[in-house]
Amino acid sequence: MSREGASSSTHHVTLLSRPGCHLCDEARSVIARVTGELGVAFDERDINSSAEDLARYSDMVPVTFVDGVQHDFWRVNEDRLRAALTS
């Protein structure tokens, strides 16, 4: 799933999620709102599609990455995400 922003921003957010995860739904909502407002690219990966992701992050889902670096897990702090994307 991909939601590409229309900005010249060089940032990119990835959400690592799993189907049926209510925390993932909450994280997706926050990320979509912030990236949409800032014009930042956002995509989502299902943790079940990668054995490596599953082994490394299974207990942490949802996991948020900014520019490929782990940023948050379980919950997304909107202010913290916005700060990371505007720095």
C-alpha atoms as a PDB file:
ATOM      1  CA  MET A   1       0.000   0.000   0.000  1.00  0.00           C
ATOM      2  CA  SER A   2       1.456   3.349  -0.986  1.00  0.00           C
ATOM      3  CA  ARG A   3       0.397   6.908  -0.401  1.00  0.00           C
ATOM      4  CA  GLU A   4       2.808   9.215  -2.148  1.00  0.00           C
ATOM      5  CA  GLY A   5       2.889  12.878  -1.191  1.00  0.00           C
ATOM      6  CA  ALA A   6       3.127  15.633  -3.774  1.00  0.00           C
ATOM      7  CA  SER A   7       5.958  17.559  -2.152  1.00  0.00           C
ATOM      8  CA  SER A   8       9.628  17.996  -2.808  1.00  0.00           C
ATOM      9  CA  SER A   9      10.226  16.542   0.668  1.00  0.00           C
ATOM     10  CA  THR A  10      12.971  13.994   0.787  1.00  0.00           C
ATOM     11  CA  HIS A  11      11.490  12.234   3.820  1.00  0.00           C
ATOM     12  CA  HIS A  12       9.705   8.923   3.607  1.00  0.00           C
ATOM     13  CA  VAL A  13       7.580   7.138   6.241  1.00  0.00           C
ATOM     14  CA  THR A  14       7.000   3.392   6.346  1.00  0.00           C
ATOM     15  CA  LEU A  15       4.475   1.678   8.587  1.00  0.00           C
ATOM     16  CA  LEU A  16       5.102  -1.976   9.405  1.00  0.00           C
ATOM     17  CA  SER A  17       1.724  -3.461  10.298  1.00  0.00           C
ATOM     18  CA  ARG A  18      -0.356  -6.617  10.381  1.00  0.00           C
ATOM     19  CA  PRO A  19      -3.977  -7.265   9.395  1.00  0.00           C
ATOM     20  CA  GLY A  20      -6.548  -6.930  12.174  1.00  0.00           C
ATOM     21  CA  CYS A  21      -4.275  -4.830  14.397  1.00  0.00           C
ATOM     22  CA  HIS A  22      -6.195  -1.971  16.043  1.00  0.00           C
ATOM     23  CA  LEU A  23      -2.970  -0.189  17.013  1.00  0.00           C
ATOM     24  CA  CYS A  24      -1.941  -0.387  13.353  1.00  0.00           C
ATOM     25  CA  ASP A  25      -5.228   1.264  12.372  1.00  0.00           C
ATOM     26  CA  GLU A  26      -4.565   4.091  14.837  1.00  0.00           C
ATOM     27  CA  ALA A  27      -0.964   4.491  13.671  1.00  0.00           C
ATOM     28  CA  ARG A  28      -2.048   4.510  10.008  1.00  0.00           C
ATOM     29  CA  SER A  29      -4.539   7.283  10.726  1.00  0.00           C
ATOM     30  CA  VAL A  30      -1.943   9.497  12.438  1.00  0.00           C
ATOM     31  CA  ILE A  31       0.700   8.838   9.776  1.00  0.00           C
ATOM     32  CA  ALA A  32      -1.720   9.459   6.904  1.00  0.00           C
ATOM     33  CA  ARG A  33      -2.838  12.747   8.458  1.00  0.00           C
ATOM     34  CA  VAL A  34       0.676  14.051   9.117  1.00  0.00           C
ATOM     35  CA  THR A  35       2.226  12.895   5.841  1.00  0.00           C
ATOM     36  CA  GLY A  36      -0.778  14.199   3.918  1.00  0.00           C
ATOM     37  CA  GLU A  37      -0.475  17.628   5.521  1.00  0.00           C
ATOM     38  CA  LEU A  38       3.273  17.779   4.926  1.00  0.00           C
ATOM     39  CA  GLY A  39       3.333  16.171   1.485  1.00  0.00           C
ATOM     40  CA  VAL A  40       5.610  13.348   2.639  1.00  0.00           C
ATOM     41  CA  ALA A  41       5.691   9.923   0.984  1.00  0.00           C
ATOM     42  CA  PHE A  42       4.136   7.103   3.041  1.00  0.00           C
ATOM     43  CA  ASP A  43       3.944   3.386   2.438  1.00  0.00           C
ATOM     44  CA  GLU A  44       2.922   0.355   4.473  1.00  0.00           C
ATOM     45  CA  ARG A  45       4.300  -3.192   4.691  1.00  0.00           C
ATOM     46  CA  ASP A  46       2.580  -6.234   6.145  1.00  0.00           C
ATOM     47  CA  ILE A  47       4.952  -7.797   8.680  1.00  0.00           C
ATOM     48  CA  ASN A  48       3.759 -11.247   7.598  1.00  0.00           C
ATOM     49  CA  SER A  49       5.268 -10.764   4.125  1.00  0.00           C
ATOM     50  CA  SER A  50       8.847 -10.860   5.417  1.00  0.00           C
ATOM     51  CA  ALA A  51      10.375 -13.513   7.675  1.00  0.00           C
ATOM     52  CA  GLU A  52      13.086 -11.008   8.625  1.00  0.00           C
ATOM     53  CA  ASP A  53      10.544  -8.322   9.648  1.00  0.00           C
ATOM     54  CA  LEU A  54       8.496 -10.903  11.528  1.00  0.00           C
ATOM     55  CA  ALA A  55      11.517 -12.176  13.476  1.00  0.00           C
ATOM     56  CA  ARG A  56      12.782  -8.693  14.300  1.00  0.00           C
ATOM     57  CA  TYR A  57       9.606  -6.682  14.944  1.00  0.00           C
ATOM     58  CA  SER A  58       6.799  -9.124  15.755  1.00  0.00           C
ATOM     59  CA  ASP A  59       6.277  -7.898  19.333  1.00  0.00           C
ATOM     60  CA  MET A  60       6.576  -4.235  18.352  1.00  0.00           C
ATOM     61  CA  VAL A  61       3.886  -3.856  15.661  1.00  0.00           C
ATOM     62  CA  PRO A  62       3.000  -1.316  14.515  1.00  0.00           C
ATOM     63  CA  VAL A  63       6.486  -0.004  13.821  1.00  0.00           C
ATOM     64  CA  THR A  64       7.089   3.350  12.166  1.00  0.00           C
ATOM     65  CA  PHE A  65      10.218   4.153  10.178  1.00  0.00           C
ATOM     66  CA  VAL A  66      11.284   7.603   9.027  1.00  0.00           C
ATOM     67  CA  ASP A  67      13.789   7.545   6.198  1.00  0.00           C
ATOM     68  CA  GLY A  68      14.464   3.855   6.880  1.00  0.00           C
ATOM     69  CA  VAL A  69      15.265   4.359  10.578  1.00  0.00           C
ATOM     70  CA  GLN A  70      12.968   3.012  13.288  1.00  0.00           C
ATOM     71  CA  HIS A  71      11.095   5.956  14.767  1.00  0.00           C
ATOM     72  CA  ASP A  72       8.259   4.558  16.940  1.00  0.00           C
ATOM     73  CA  PHE A  73       6.553   1.329  17.834  1.00  0.00           C
ATOM     74  CA  TRP A  74       3.133   0.448  19.295  1.00  0.00           C
ATOM     75  CA  ARG A  75       1.909   4.058  19.168  1.00  0.00           C
ATOM     76  CA  VAL A  76       2.717   6.990  16.904  1.00  0.00           C
ATOM     77  CA  ASN A  77       3.208  10.309  18.630  1.00  0.00           C
ATOM     78  CA  GLU A  78       1.868  12.875  16.170  1.00  0.00           C
ATOM     79  CA  ASP A  79       3.990  15.771  17.457  1.00  0.00           C
ATOM     80  CA  ARG A  80       7.165  13.682  17.438  1.00  0.00           C
ATOM     81  CA  LEU A  81       6.483  12.427  13.894  1.00  0.00           C
ATOM     82  CA  ARG A  82       5.721  15.944  12.655  1.00  0.00           C
ATOM     83  CA  ALA A  83       8.979  17.221  14.230  1.00  0.00           C
ATOM     84  CA  ALA A  84      11.002  14.460  12.561  1.00  0.00           C
ATOM     85  CA  LEU A  85       9.471  15.281   9.183  1.00  0.00           C
ATOM     86  CA  THR A  86       9.982  19.027   9.421  1.00  0.00           C
ATOM     87  CA  SER A  87      13.597  18.942  10.590  1.00  0.00           C
END
